PDB file of N, CA and C in Angstrom:
ATOM      1  N   UNK A   1      -9.046   2.979 -10.988  1.00  0.00           N
ATOM      2  CA  UNK A   1      -9.697   3.216  -9.723  1.00  0.00           C
ATOM      3  C   UNK A   1     -11.065   2.547  -9.763  1.00  0.00           C
ATOM      4  N   UNK A   2     -11.411   1.884  -8.683  1.00  0.00           N
ATOM      5  CA  UNK A   2     -12.715   1.222  -8.638  1.00  0.00           C
ATOM      6  C   UNK A   2     -13.817   2.279  -8.590  1.00  0.00           C
ATOM      7  N   UNK A   3     -14.962   2.003  -9.231  1.00  0.00           N
ATOM      8  CA  UNK A   3     -16.021   3.019  -9.344  1.00  0.00           C
ATOM      9  C   UNK A   3     -16.498   3.596  -8.011  1.00  0.00           C
ATOM     10  N   UNK A   4     -16.653   2.763  -6.984  1.00  0.00           N
ATOM     11  CA  UNK A   4     -17.164   3.282  -5.710  1.00  0.00           C
ATOM     12  C   UNK A   4     -16.187   4.269  -5.078  1.00  0.00           C
ATOM     13  N   UNK A   5     -14.876   4.041  -5.280  1.00  0.00           N
ATOM     14  CA  UNK A   5     -13.892   4.967  -4.744  1.00  0.00           C
ATOM     15  C   UNK A   5     -13.911   6.282  -5.521  1.00  0.00           C
ATOM     16  N   UNK A   6     -14.028   6.194  -6.835  1.00  0.00           N
ATOM     17  CA  UNK A   6     -14.122   7.408  -7.660  1.00  0.00           C
ATOM     18  C   UNK A   6     -15.345   8.226  -7.248  1.00  0.00           C
ATOM     19  N   UNK A   7     -16.485   7.575  -7.026  1.00  0.00           N
ATOM     20  CA  UNK A   7     -17.697   8.280  -6.595  1.00  0.00           C
ATOM     21  C   UNK A   7     -17.500   8.953  -5.245  1.00  0.00           C
ATOM     22  N   UNK A   8     -16.846   8.242  -4.322  1.00  0.00           N
ATOM     23  CA  UNK A   8     -16.609   8.802  -2.988  1.00  0.00           C
ATOM     24  C   UNK A   8     -15.687  10.019  -3.061  1.00  0.00           C
ATOM     25  N   UNK A   9     -14.678   9.966  -3.924  1.00  0.00           N
ATOM     26  CA  UNK A   9     -13.770  11.105  -4.064  1.00  0.00           C
ATOM     27  C   UNK A   9     -14.460  12.307  -4.703  1.00  0.00           C
ATOM     28  N   UNK A  10     -15.330  12.065  -5.667  1.00  0.00           N
ATOM     29  CA  UNK A  10     -16.089  13.163  -6.281  1.00  0.00           C
ATOM     30  C   UNK A  10     -16.984  13.810  -5.227  1.00  0.00           C
ATOM     31  N   UNK A  11     -17.651  12.995  -4.410  1.00  0.00           N
ATOM     32  CA  UNK A  11     -18.510  13.533  -3.345  1.00  0.00           C
ATOM     33  C   UNK A  11     -17.682  14.313  -2.323  1.00  0.00           C
ATOM     34  N   UNK A  12     -16.516  13.808  -1.965  1.00  0.00           N
ATOM     35  CA  UNK A  12     -15.641  14.481  -1.000  1.00  0.00           C
ATOM     36  C   UNK A  12     -15.196  15.845  -1.528  1.00  0.00           C
ATOM     37  N   UNK A  13     -14.929  15.925  -2.821  1.00  0.00           N
ATOM     38  CA  UNK A  13     -14.454  17.174  -3.416  1.00  0.00           C
ATOM     39  C   UNK A  13     -15.427  18.328  -3.166  1.00  0.00           C
ATOM     40  N   UNK A  14     -16.720  18.039  -3.076  1.00  0.00           N
ATOM     41  CA  UNK A  14     -17.714  19.101  -2.835  1.00  0.00           C
ATOM     42  C   UNK A  14     -17.691  19.581  -1.388  1.00  0.00           C
ATOM     43  N   UNK A  15     -17.112  18.773  -0.476  1.00  0.00           N
ATOM     44  CA  UNK A  15     -17.092  19.120   0.952  1.00  0.00           C
ATOM     45  C   UNK A  15     -15.691  19.449   1.470  1.00  0.00           C
ATOM     46  N   UNK A  16     -14.672  19.073   0.719  1.00  0.00           N
ATOM     47  CA  UNK A  16     -13.290  19.220   1.184  1.00  0.00           C
ATOM     48  C   UNK A  16     -12.889  20.686   1.287  1.00  0.00           C
ATOM     49  N   UNK A  17     -11.964  20.982   2.201  1.00  0.00           N
ATOM     50  CA  UNK A  17     -11.425  22.347   2.267  1.00  0.00           C
ATOM     51  C   UNK A  17     -10.771  22.724   0.934  1.00  0.00           C
ATOM     52  N   UNK A  18     -10.883  23.971   0.564  1.00  0.00           N
ATOM     53  CA  UNK A  18     -10.259  24.447  -0.659  1.00  0.00           C
ATOM     54  C   UNK A  18      -8.745  24.411  -0.499  1.00  0.00           C
ATOM     55  N   UNK A  19      -8.063  24.047  -1.589  1.00  0.00           N
ATOM     56  CA  UNK A  19      -6.608  23.957  -1.540  1.00  0.00           C
ATOM     57  C   UNK A  19      -6.001  24.572  -2.790  1.00  0.00           C
ATOM     58  N   UNK A  20      -5.094  25.537  -2.622  1.00  0.00           N
ATOM     59  CA  UNK A  20      -4.425  26.107  -3.801  1.00  0.00           C
ATOM     60  C   UNK A  20      -3.531  25.076  -4.493  1.00  0.00           C
ATOM     61  N   UNK A  21      -3.241  23.972  -3.809  1.00  0.00           N
ATOM     62  CA  UNK A  21      -2.393  22.910  -4.364  1.00  0.00           C
ATOM     63  C   UNK A  21      -3.230  21.777  -4.951  1.00  0.00           C
ATOM     64  N   UNK A  22      -4.568  21.922  -4.920  1.00  0.00           N
ATOM     65  CA  UNK A  22      -5.494  20.903  -5.421  1.00  0.00           C
ATOM     66  C   UNK A  22      -5.303  19.564  -4.708  1.00  0.00           C
ATOM     67  N   UNK A  23      -5.097  19.632  -3.389  1.00  0.00           N
ATOM     68  CA  UNK A  23      -4.905  18.430  -2.591  1.00  0.00           C
ATOM     69  C   UNK A  23      -6.252  17.769  -2.288  1.00  0.00           C
ATOM     70  N   UNK A  24      -6.229  16.463  -2.122  1.00  0.00           N
ATOM     71  CA  UNK A  24      -7.455  15.729  -1.802  1.00  0.00           C
ATOM     72  C   UNK A  24      -7.805  15.893  -0.329  1.00  0.00           C
ATOM     73  N   UNK A  25      -6.815  15.776   0.557  1.00  0.00           N
ATOM     74  CA  UNK A  25      -7.048  15.899   1.995  1.00  0.00           C
ATOM     75  C   UNK A  25      -6.136  16.978   2.575  1.00  0.00           C
ATOM     76  N   UNK A  26      -6.426  18.224   2.308  1.00  0.00           N
ATOM     77  CA  UNK A  26      -5.575  19.294   2.832  1.00  0.00           C
ATOM     78  C   UNK A  26      -5.911  19.610   4.290  1.00  0.00           C
ATOM     79  N   UNK A  27      -5.035  20.396   4.912  1.00  0.00           N
ATOM     80  CA  UNK A  27      -5.376  20.977   6.218  1.00  0.00           C
ATOM     81  C   UNK A  27      -6.507  21.968   5.991  1.00  0.00           C
ATOM     82  N   UNK A  28      -7.080  22.468   7.075  1.00  0.00           N
ATOM     83  CA  UNK A  28      -8.181  23.427   6.958  1.00  0.00           C
ATOM     84  C   UNK A  28      -7.800  24.675   6.167  1.00  0.00           C
ATOM     85  N   UNK A  29      -6.487  25.040   6.194  1.00  0.00           N
ATOM     86  CA  UNK A  29      -6.044  26.227   5.456  1.00  0.00           C
ATOM     87  C   UNK A  29      -5.649  25.903   4.013  1.00  0.00           C
ATOM     88  N   UNK A  30      -5.845  24.644   3.573  1.00  0.00           N
ATOM     89  CA  UNK A  30      -5.550  24.244   2.202  1.00  0.00           C
ATOM     90  C   UNK A  30      -4.141  23.725   1.985  1.00  0.00           C
ATOM     91  N   UNK A  31      -3.284  23.842   2.995  1.00  0.00           N
ATOM     92  CA  UNK A  31      -1.896  23.393   2.886  1.00  0.00           C
ATOM     93  C   UNK A  31      -1.806  21.873   3.063  1.00  0.00           C
ATOM     94  N   UNK A  32      -0.664  21.300   2.690  1.00  0.00           N
ATOM     95  CA  UNK A  32      -0.478  19.855   2.879  1.00  0.00           C
ATOM     96  C   UNK A  32      -0.465  19.482   4.359  1.00  0.00           C
ATOM     97  N   UNK A  33      -0.912  18.290   4.649  1.00  0.00           N
ATOM     98  CA  UNK A  33      -0.840  17.749   6.008  1.00  0.00           C
ATOM     99  C   UNK A  33       0.588  17.288   6.276  1.00  0.00           C
ATOM    100  N   UNK A  34       0.939  17.187   7.534  1.00  0.00           N
ATOM    101  CA  UNK A  34       2.298  16.776   7.905  1.00  0.00           C
ATOM    102  C   UNK A  34       2.401  15.253   7.993  1.00  0.00           C
ATOM    103  N   UNK A  35       3.615  14.777   7.935  1.00  0.00           N
ATOM    104  CA  UNK A  35       3.888  13.352   8.103  1.00  0.00           C
ATOM    105  C   UNK A  35       3.395  12.894   9.470  1.00  0.00           C
ATOM    106  N   UNK A  36       3.598  13.744  10.476  1.00  0.00           N
ATOM    107  CA  UNK A  36       3.161  13.396  11.837  1.00  0.00           C
ATOM    108  C   UNK A  36       1.642  13.235  11.906  1.00  0.00           C
ATOM    109  N   UNK A  37       0.922  14.109  11.209  1.00  0.00           N
ATOM    110  CA  UNK A  37      -0.542  14.014  11.186  1.00  0.00           C
ATOM    111  C   UNK A  37      -0.964  12.700  10.526  1.00  0.00           C
ATOM    112  N   UNK A  38      -0.360  12.384   9.373  1.00  0.00           N
ATOM    113  CA  UNK A  38      -0.684  11.129   8.679  1.00  0.00           C
ATOM    114  C   UNK A  38      -0.432   9.924   9.578  1.00  0.00           C
ATOM    115  N   UNK A  39       0.714   9.942  10.262  1.00  0.00           N
ATOM    116  CA  UNK A  39       1.065   8.822  11.139  1.00  0.00           C
ATOM    117  C   UNK A  39       0.063   8.704  12.288  1.00  0.00           C
ATOM    118  N   UNK A  40      -0.310   9.829  12.878  1.00  0.00           N
ATOM    119  CA  UNK A  40      -1.279   9.807  13.980  1.00  0.00           C
ATOM    120  C   UNK A  40      -2.623   9.272  13.503  1.00  0.00           C
ATOM    121  N   UNK A  41      -3.061   9.677  12.314  1.00  0.00           N
ATOM    122  CA  UNK A  41      -4.325   9.162  11.778  1.00  0.00           C
ATOM    123  C   UNK A  41      -4.234   7.664  11.513  1.00  0.00           C
ATOM    124  N   UNK A  42      -3.096   7.221  10.990  1.00  0.00           N
ATOM    125  CA  UNK A  42      -2.909   5.794  10.734  1.00  0.00           C
ATOM    126  C   UNK A  42      -3.045   5.003  12.037  1.00  0.00           C
ATOM    127  N   UNK A  43      -2.370   5.462  13.088  1.00  0.00           N
ATOM    128  CA  UNK A  43      -2.453   4.751  14.364  1.00  0.00           C
ATOM    129  C   UNK A  43      -3.871   4.761  14.919  1.00  0.00           C
ATOM    130  N   UNK A  44      -4.589   5.833  14.723  1.00  0.00           N
ATOM    131  CA  UNK A  44      -5.987   5.889  15.164  1.00  0.00           C
ATOM    132  C   UNK A  44      -6.820   4.846  14.421  1.00  0.00           C
ATOM    133  N   UNK A  45      -6.601   4.724  13.128  1.00  0.00           N
ATOM    134  CA  UNK A  45      -7.341   3.744  12.321  1.00  0.00           C
ATOM    135  C   UNK A  45      -7.032   2.322  12.777  1.00  0.00           C
ATOM    136  N   UNK A  46      -5.737   1.980  12.934  1.00  0.00           N
ATOM    137  CA  UNK A  46      -5.399   0.608  13.319  1.00  0.00           C
ATOM    138  C   UNK A  46      -5.844   0.303  14.747  1.00  0.00           C
ATOM    139  N   UNK A  47      -5.807   1.310  15.626  1.00  0.00           N
ATOM    140  CA  UNK A  47      -6.276   1.087  16.996  1.00  0.00           C
ATOM    141  C   UNK A  47      -7.778   0.808  17.010  1.00  0.00           C
ATOM    142  N   UNK A  48      -8.535   1.590  16.259  1.00  0.00           N
ATOM    143  CA  UNK A  48      -9.986   1.370  16.182  1.00  0.00           C
ATOM    144  C   UNK A  48     -10.318   0.004  15.594  1.00  0.00           C
ATOM    145  N   UNK A  49      -9.530  -0.404  14.599  1.00  0.00           N
ATOM    146  CA  UNK A  49      -9.779  -1.690  13.935  1.00  0.00           C
ATOM    147  C   UNK A  49      -9.224  -2.867  14.740  1.00  0.00           C
ATOM    148  N   UNK A  50      -8.401  -2.574  15.739  1.00  0.00           N
ATOM    149  CA  UNK A  50      -7.811  -3.641  16.546  1.00  0.00           C
ATOM    150  C   UNK A  50      -6.759  -4.449  15.804  1.00  0.00           C
ATOM    151  N   UNK A  51      -6.092  -3.826  14.843  1.00  0.00           N
ATOM    152  CA  UNK A  51      -5.070  -4.514  14.044  1.00  0.00           C
ATOM    153  C   UNK A  51      -3.741  -4.467  14.787  1.00  0.00           C
ATOM    154  N   UNK A  52      -3.089  -5.620  14.879  1.00  0.00           N
ATOM    155  CA  UNK A  52      -1.768  -5.693  15.496  1.00  0.00           C
ATOM    156  C   UNK A  52      -0.868  -6.599  14.664  1.00  0.00           C
ATOM    157  N   UNK A  53       0.417  -6.455  14.879  1.00  0.00           N
ATOM    158  CA  UNK A  53       1.425  -7.325  14.287  1.00  0.00           C
ATOM    159  C   UNK A  53       2.000  -8.141  15.428  1.00  0.00           C
ATOM    160  N   UNK A  54       1.993  -9.464  15.276  1.00  0.00           N
ATOM    161  CA  UNK A  54       2.557 -10.324  16.309  1.00  0.00           C
ATOM    162  C   UNK A  54       4.021 -10.590  15.984  1.00  0.00           C
ATOM    163  N   UNK A  55       4.866 -10.294  16.930  1.00  0.00           N
ATOM    164  CA  UNK A  55       6.312 -10.467  16.765  1.00  0.00           C
ATOM    165  C   UNK A  55       6.720 -11.898  17.117  1.00  0.00           C
ATOM    166  N   UNK A  56       7.903 -12.322  16.688  1.00  0.00           N
ATOM    167  CA  UNK A  56       8.355 -13.699  16.971  1.00  0.00           C
ATOM    168  C   UNK A  56       8.348 -14.063  18.453  1.00  0.00           C
ATOM    169  N   UNK A  57       8.551 -13.083  19.327  1.00  0.00           N
ATOM    170  CA  UNK A  57       8.559 -13.383  20.764  1.00  0.00           C
ATOM    171  C   UNK A  57       7.153 -13.428  21.361  1.00  0.00           C
ATOM    172  N   UNK A  58       6.129 -13.257  20.507  1.00  0.00           N
ATOM    173  CA  UNK A  58       4.744 -13.342  20.969  1.00  0.00           C
ATOM    174  C   UNK A  58       4.127 -12.009  21.357  1.00  0.00           C
ATOM    175  N   UNK A  59       4.924 -10.964  21.457  1.00  0.00           N
ATOM    176  CA  UNK A  59       4.369  -9.655  21.778  1.00  0.00           C
ATOM    177  C   UNK A  59       3.710  -9.062  20.532  1.00  0.00           C
ATOM    178  N   UNK A  60       2.840  -8.093  20.764  1.00  0.00           N
ATOM    179  CA  UNK A  60       2.130  -7.464  19.652  1.00  0.00           C
ATOM    180  C   UNK A  60       2.429  -5.970  19.637  1.00  0.00           C
ATOM    181  N   UNK A  61       2.331  -5.394  18.453  1.00  0.00           N
ATOM    182  CA  UNK A  61       2.487  -3.952  18.298  1.00  0.00           C
ATOM    183  C   UNK A  61       1.590  -3.497  17.156  1.00  0.00           C
ATOM    184  N   UNK A  62       1.440  -2.175  17.047  1.00  0.00           N
ATOM    185  CA  UNK A  62       0.674  -1.618  15.925  1.00  0.00           C
ATOM    186  C   UNK A  62       1.500  -1.714  14.647  1.00  0.00           C
ATOM    187  N   UNK A  63       0.844  -1.970  13.516  1.00  0.00           N
ATOM    188  CA  UNK A  63       1.596  -1.962  12.260  1.00  0.00           C
ATOM    189  C   UNK A  63       2.021  -0.544  11.901  1.00  0.00           C
ATOM    190  N   UNK A  64       3.192  -0.427  11.327  1.00  0.00           N
ATOM    191  CA  UNK A  64       3.702   0.868  10.896  1.00  0.00           C
ATOM    192  C   UNK A  64       3.078   1.227   9.544  1.00  0.00           C
ATOM    193  N   UNK A  65       2.961   2.511   9.283  1.00  0.00           N
ATOM    194  CA  UNK A  65       2.340   2.971   8.045  1.00  0.00           C
ATOM    195  C   UNK A  65       3.080   2.437   6.818  1.00  0.00           C
ATOM    196  N   UNK A  66       4.409   2.445   6.856  1.00  0.00           N
ATOM    197  CA  UNK A  66       5.137   1.968   5.682  1.00  0.00           C
ATOM    198  C   UNK A  66       4.903   0.478   5.442  1.00  0.00           C
ATOM    199  N   UNK A  67       4.583  -0.281   6.500  1.00  0.00           N
ATOM    200  CA  UNK A  67       4.290  -1.706   6.326  1.00  0.00           C
ATOM    201  C   UNK A  67       3.014  -1.908   5.510  1.00  0.00           C
ATOM    202  N   UNK A  68       2.080  -0.981   5.635  1.00  0.00           N
ATOM    203  CA  UNK A  68       0.859  -1.071   4.833  1.00  0.00           C
ATOM    204  C   UNK A  68       1.184  -0.905   3.351  1.00  0.00           C
ATOM    205  N   UNK A  69       2.105  -0.007   3.035  1.00  0.00           N
ATOM    206  CA  UNK A  69       2.513   0.184   1.636  1.00  0.00           C
ATOM    207  C   UNK A  69       3.205  -1.077   1.111  1.00  0.00           C
ATOM    208  N   UNK A  70       4.071  -1.678   1.920  1.00  0.00           N
ATOM    209  CA  UNK A  70       4.732  -2.914   1.510  1.00  0.00           C
ATOM    210  C   UNK A  70       3.708  -4.021   1.292  1.00  0.00           C
ATOM    211  N   UNK A  71       2.744  -4.125   2.204  1.00  0.00           N
ATOM    212  CA  UNK A  71       1.711  -5.152   2.084  1.00  0.00           C
ATOM    213  C   UNK A  71       0.882  -4.932   0.828  1.00  0.00           C
ATOM    214  N   UNK A  72       0.484  -3.700   0.577  1.00  0.00           N
ATOM    215  CA  UNK A  72      -0.305  -3.403  -0.623  1.00  0.00           C
ATOM    216  C   UNK A  72       0.465  -3.781  -1.879  1.00  0.00           C
ATOM    217  N   UNK A  73       1.732  -3.397  -1.946  1.00  0.00           N
ATOM    218  CA  UNK A  73       2.545  -3.710  -3.121  1.00  0.00           C
ATOM    219  C   UNK A  73       2.689  -5.216  -3.302  1.00  0.00           C
ATOM    220  N   UNK A  74       2.928  -5.924  -2.214  1.00  0.00           N
ATOM    221  CA  UNK A  74       3.110  -7.366  -2.285  1.00  0.00           C
ATOM    222  C   UNK A  74       1.821  -8.073  -2.684  1.00  0.00           C
ATOM    223  N   UNK A  75       0.685  -7.624  -2.167  1.00  0.00           N
ATOM    224  CA  UNK A  75      -0.604  -8.218  -2.551  1.00  0.00           C
ATOM    225  C   UNK A  75      -0.903  -7.976  -4.024  1.00  0.00           C
ATOM    226  N   UNK A  76      -0.606  -6.776  -4.508  1.00  0.00           N
ATOM    227  CA  UNK A  76      -0.802  -6.500  -5.933  1.00  0.00           C
ATOM    228  C   UNK A  76       0.082  -7.420  -6.775  1.00  0.00           C
ATOM    229  N   UNK A  77       1.335  -7.574  -6.398  1.00  0.00           N
ATOM    230  CA  UNK A  77       2.252  -8.449  -7.118  1.00  0.00           C
ATOM    231  C   UNK A  77       1.754  -9.899  -7.093  1.00  0.00           C
ATOM    232  N   UNK A  78       1.309 -10.359  -5.936  1.00  0.00           N
ATOM    233  CA  UNK A  78       0.809 -11.727  -5.803  1.00  0.00           C
ATOM    234  C   UNK A  78      -0.437 -11.966  -6.659  1.00  0.00           C
ATOM    235  N   UNK A  79      -1.153 -10.912  -6.986  1.00  0.00           N
ATOM    236  CA  UNK A  79      -2.335 -11.034  -7.826  1.00  0.00           C
ATOM    237  C   UNK A  79      -2.033 -10.800  -9.299  1.00  0.00           C
ATOM    238  N   UNK A  80      -0.741 -10.807  -9.637  1.00  0.00           N
ATOM    239  CA  UNK A  80      -0.346 -10.735 -11.034  1.00  0.00           C
ATOM    240  C   UNK A  80      -0.283  -9.338 -11.619  1.00  0.00           C
ATOM    241  N   UNK A  81      -0.320  -8.316 -10.785  1.00  0.00           N
ATOM    242  CA  UNK A  81      -0.241  -6.942 -11.279  1.00  0.00           C
ATOM    243  C   UNK A  81       1.220  -6.626 -11.598  1.00  0.00           C
ATOM    244  N   UNK A  82       1.445  -6.024 -12.751  1.00  0.00           N
ATOM    245  CA  UNK A  82       2.814  -5.728 -13.171  1.00  0.00           C
ATOM    246  C   UNK A  82       3.411  -4.578 -12.360  1.00  0.00           C
ATOM    247  N   UNK A  83       4.742  -4.510 -12.364  1.00  0.00           N
ATOM    248  CA  UNK A  83       5.458  -3.515 -11.557  1.00  0.00           C
ATOM    249  C   UNK A  83       5.143  -2.079 -11.964  1.00  0.00           C
ATOM    250  N   UNK A  84       4.922  -1.834 -13.237  1.00  0.00           N
ATOM    251  CA  UNK A  84       4.616  -0.474 -13.687  1.00  0.00           C
ATOM    252  C   UNK A  84       3.286  -0.005 -13.105  1.00  0.00           C
ATOM    253  N   UNK A  85       2.308  -0.897 -13.053  1.00  0.00           N
ATOM    254  CA  UNK A  85       1.013  -0.539 -12.472  1.00  0.00           C
ATOM    255  C   UNK A  85       1.133  -0.352 -10.968  1.00  0.00           C
ATOM    256  N   UNK A  86       1.893  -1.212 -10.316  1.00  0.00           N
ATOM    257  CA  UNK A  86       2.106  -1.071  -8.866  1.00  0.00           C
ATOM    258  C   UNK A  86       2.791   0.260  -8.584  1.00  0.00           C
ATOM    259  N   UNK A  87       3.757   0.636  -9.420  1.00  0.00           N
ATOM    260  CA  UNK A  87       4.432   1.931  -9.287  1.00  0.00           C
ATOM    261  C   UNK A  87       3.409   3.065  -9.317  1.00  0.00           C
ATOM    262  N   UNK A  88       2.460   2.982 -10.231  1.00  0.00           N
ATOM    263  CA  UNK A  88       1.434   4.025 -10.345  1.00  0.00           C
ATOM    264  C   UNK A  88       0.525   4.048  -9.117  1.00  0.00           C
ATOM    265  N   UNK A  89       0.147   2.873  -8.623  1.00  0.00           N
ATOM    266  CA  UNK A  89      -0.714   2.800  -7.431  1.00  0.00           C
ATOM    267  C   UNK A  89      -0.007   3.403  -6.222  1.00  0.00           C
ATOM    268  N   UNK A  90       1.276   3.098  -6.059  1.00  0.00           N
ATOM    269  CA  UNK A  90       2.024   3.608  -4.910  1.00  0.00           C
ATOM    270  C   UNK A  90       2.448   5.063  -5.078  1.00  0.00           C
ATOM    271  N   UNK A  91       2.366   5.573  -6.294  1.00  0.00           N
ATOM    272  CA  UNK A  91       2.727   6.964  -6.529  1.00  0.00           C
ATOM    273  C   UNK A  91       4.211   7.206  -6.659  1.00  0.00           C
ATOM    274  N   UNK A  92       4.958   6.169  -7.014  1.00  0.00           N
ATOM    275  CA  UNK A  92       6.402   6.320  -7.192  1.00  0.00           C
ATOM    276  C   UNK A  92       6.712   6.897  -8.569  1.00  0.00           C
ATOM    277  N   UNK A  93       7.829   7.596  -8.665  1.00  0.00           N
ATOM    278  CA  UNK A  93       8.247   8.145  -9.952  1.00  0.00           C
ATOM    279  C   UNK A  93       9.134   7.159 -10.705  1.00  0.00           C
ATOM    280  N   UNK A  94       9.615   6.129 -10.028  1.00  0.00           N
ATOM    281  CA  UNK A  94      10.512   5.165 -10.649  1.00  0.00           C
ATOM    282  C   UNK A  94      10.167   3.753 -10.185  1.00  0.00           C
ATOM    283  N   UNK A  95      10.276   2.799 -11.105  1.00  0.00           N
ATOM    284  CA  UNK A  95      10.072   1.391 -10.744  1.00  0.00           C
ATOM    285  C   UNK A  95      11.130   0.954  -9.736  1.00  0.00           C
ATOM    286  N   UNK A  96      12.300   1.579  -9.760  1.00  0.00           N
ATOM    287  CA  UNK A  96      13.344   1.235  -8.795  1.00  0.00           C
ATOM    288  C   UNK A  96      12.869   1.475  -7.366  1.00  0.00           C
ATOM    289  N   UNK A  97      12.130   2.540  -7.147  1.00  0.00           N
ATOM    290  CA  UNK A  97      11.567   2.796  -5.818  1.00  0.00           C
ATOM    291  C   UNK A  97      10.557   1.718  -5.466  1.00  0.00           C
ATOM    292  N   UNK A  98       9.748   1.352  -6.431  1.00  0.00           N
ATOM    293  CA  UNK A  98       8.692   0.353  -6.204  1.00  0.00           C
ATOM    294  C   UNK A  98       9.280  -1.001  -5.852  1.00  0.00           C
ATOM    295  N   UNK A  99      10.363  -1.374  -6.492  1.00  0.00           N
ATOM    296  CA  UNK A  99      10.932  -2.701  -6.285  1.00  0.00           C
ATOM    297  C   UNK A  99      11.299  -2.968  -4.828  1.00  0.00           C
ATOM    298  N   UNK A 100      11.653  -1.949  -4.079  1.00  0.00           N
ATOM    299  CA  UNK A 100      11.994  -2.168  -2.669  1.00  0.00           C
ATOM    300  C   UNK A 100      10.751  -2.494  -1.834  1.00  0.00           C
ATOM    301  N   UNK A 101       9.570  -2.267  -2.390  1.00  0.00           N
ATOM    302  CA  UNK A 101       8.320  -2.566  -1.697  1.00  0.00           C
ATOM    303  C   UNK A 101       7.773  -3.947  -2.035  1.00  0.00           C
ATOM    304  N   UNK A 102       8.343  -4.592  -3.030  1.00  0.00           N
ATOM    305  CA  UNK A 102       7.810  -5.868  -3.499  1.00  0.00           C
ATOM    306  C   UNK A 102       8.495  -7.026  -2.795  1.00  0.00           C
ATOM    307  N   UNK A 103       7.694  -7.896  -2.227  1.00  0.00           N
ATOM    308  CA  UNK A 103       8.205  -9.062  -1.514  1.00  0.00           C
ATOM    309  C   UNK A 103       7.479 -10.298  -2.033  1.00  0.00           C
ATOM    310  N   UNK A 104       8.204 -11.384  -2.129  1.00  0.00           N
ATOM    311  CA  UNK A 104       7.584 -12.613  -2.583  1.00  0.00           C
ATOM    312  C   UNK A 104       7.104 -13.410  -1.383  1.00  0.00           C
ATOM    313  N   UNK A 105       6.412 -14.481  -1.647  1.00  0.00           N
ATOM    314  CA  UNK A 105       5.998 -15.382  -0.574  1.00  0.00           C
ATOM    315  C   UNK A 105       6.412 -16.799  -0.962  1.00  0.00           C
ATOM    316  N   UNK A 106       6.293 -17.721  -0.042  1.00  0.00           N
ATOM    317  CA  UNK A 106       6.759 -19.089  -0.306  1.00  0.00           C
ATOM    318  C   UNK A 106       5.995 -19.740  -1.450  1.00  0.00           C
ATOM    319  N   UNK A 107       4.704 -19.473  -1.540  1.00  0.00           N
ATOM    320  CA  UNK A 107       3.901 -20.085  -2.600  1.00  0.00           C
ATOM    321  C   UNK A 107       4.422 -19.668  -3.966  1.00  0.00           C
ATOM    322  N   UNK A 108       4.667 -18.379  -4.151  1.00  0.00           N
ATOM    323  CA  UNK A 108       5.156 -17.890  -5.438  1.00  0.00           C
ATOM    324  C   UNK A 108       6.581 -18.365  -5.698  1.00  0.00           C
ATOM    325  N   UNK A 109       7.407 -18.416  -4.658  1.00  0.00           N
ATOM    326  CA  UNK A 109       8.781 -18.883  -4.824  1.00  0.00           C
ATOM    327  C   UNK A 109       8.793 -20.348  -5.237  1.00  0.00           C
ATOM    328  N   UNK A 110       7.993 -21.174  -4.564  1.00  0.00           N
ATOM    329  CA  UNK A 110       7.924 -22.599  -4.915  1.00  0.00           C
ATOM    330  C   UNK A 110       7.396 -22.788  -6.333  1.00  0.00           C
ATOM    331  N   UNK A 111       6.387 -22.021  -6.715  1.00  0.00           N
ATOM    332  CA  UNK A 111       5.835 -22.124  -8.070  1.00  0.00           C
ATOM    333  C   UNK A 111       6.889 -21.764  -9.111  1.00  0.00           C
ATOM    334  N   UNK A 112       7.687 -20.731  -8.831  1.00  0.00           N
ATOM    335  CA  UNK A 112       8.745 -20.328  -9.767  1.00  0.00           C
ATOM    336  C   UNK A 112       9.795 -21.426  -9.893  1.00  0.00           C
ATOM    337  N   UNK A 113      10.175 -22.038  -8.776  1.00  0.00           N
ATOM    338  CA  UNK A 113      11.175 -23.105  -8.816  1.00  0.00           C
ATOM    339  C   UNK A 113      10.622 -24.343  -9.522  1.00  0.00           C
ATOM    340  N   UNK A 114       9.358 -24.670  -9.285  1.00  0.00           N
ATOM    341  CA  UNK A 114       8.742 -25.816  -9.956  1.00  0.00           C
ATOM    342  C   UNK A 114       8.657 -25.577 -11.459  1.00  0.00           C
ATOM    343  N   UNK A 115       8.312 -24.360 -11.867  1.00  0.00           N
ATOM    344  CA  UNK A 115       8.248 -24.038 -13.298  1.00  0.00           C
ATOM    345  C   UNK A 115       9.629 -24.154 -13.929  1.00  0.00           C
ATOM    346  N   UNK A 116      10.655 -23.706 -13.222  1.00  0.00           N
ATOM    347  CA  UNK A 116      12.022 -23.828 -13.739  1.00  0.00           C
ATOM    348  C   UNK A 116      12.433 -25.285 -13.860  1.00  0.00           C
ATOM    349  N   UNK A 117      12.077 -26.093 -12.886  1.00  0.00           N
ATOM    350  CA  UNK A 117      12.406 -27.515 -12.922  1.00  0.00           C
ATOM    351  C   UNK A 117      11.712 -28.198 -14.114  1.00  0.00           C
ATOM    352  N   UNK A 118      10.436 -27.848 -14.351  1.00  0.00           N
ATOM    353  CA  UNK A 118       9.725 -28.416 -15.498  1.00  0.00           C
ATOM    354  C   UNK A 118      10.392 -28.023 -16.809  1.00  0.00           C
ATOM    355  N   UNK A 119      10.805 -26.754 -16.891  1.00  0.00           N
ATOM    356  CA  UNK A 119      11.469 -26.265 -18.099  1.00  0.00           C
ATOM    357  C   UNK A 119      12.765 -27.049 -18.380  1.00  0.00           C
ATOM    358  N   UNK A 120      13.437 -27.443 -17.314  1.00  0.00           N
ATOM    359  CA  UNK A 120      14.675 -28.220 -17.448  1.00  0.00           C
ATOM    360  C   UNK A 120      14.438 -29.722 -17.540  1.00  0.00           C
ATOM    361  N   UNK A 121      13.168 -30.127 -17.539  1.00  0.00           N
ATOM    362  CA  UNK A 121      12.816 -31.551 -17.638  1.00  0.00           C
ATOM    363  C   UNK A 121      13.051 -32.297 -16.355  1.00  0.00           C
ATOM    364  N   UNK A 122      13.037 -31.568 -15.233  1.00  0.00           N
ATOM    365  CA  UNK A 122      13.318 -32.201 -13.937  1.00  0.00           C
ATOM    366  C   UNK A 122      12.064 -32.398 -13.094  1.00  0.00           C
ATOM    367  N   UNK A 123      10.951 -32.003 -13.584  1.00  0.00           N
ATOM    368  CA  UNK A 123       9.761 -32.121 -12.739  1.00  0.00           C
ATOM    369  C   UNK A 123       8.595 -32.426 -13.541  1.00  0.00           C
TER     370      UNK A 123
END
């Protein structure tokens, strides 16, 4: 965890509602928040930030929460982070779950093919 985030979480802990489950962001009564609440907060954040996804037909929509997880996993992978570490960041219990979040890009695919060609003496 980056130091500034750790500091912010320590500061939040002194102000956060008490939770018998030791949750970081509990409801006011200490219980877990609902999926609907998380989704509503996500949409509020992307609306405030003006973030949209442009579709092939040119229309735009708000990004879905799960797309942020896929993007985070893919960016970590593109930066050379191993799957076990990505699994820990995403909070998965199995690398198999994490693998469905990992997507390659053309740059990495081309680099892999070029490396294979060099290995075979073709490039």
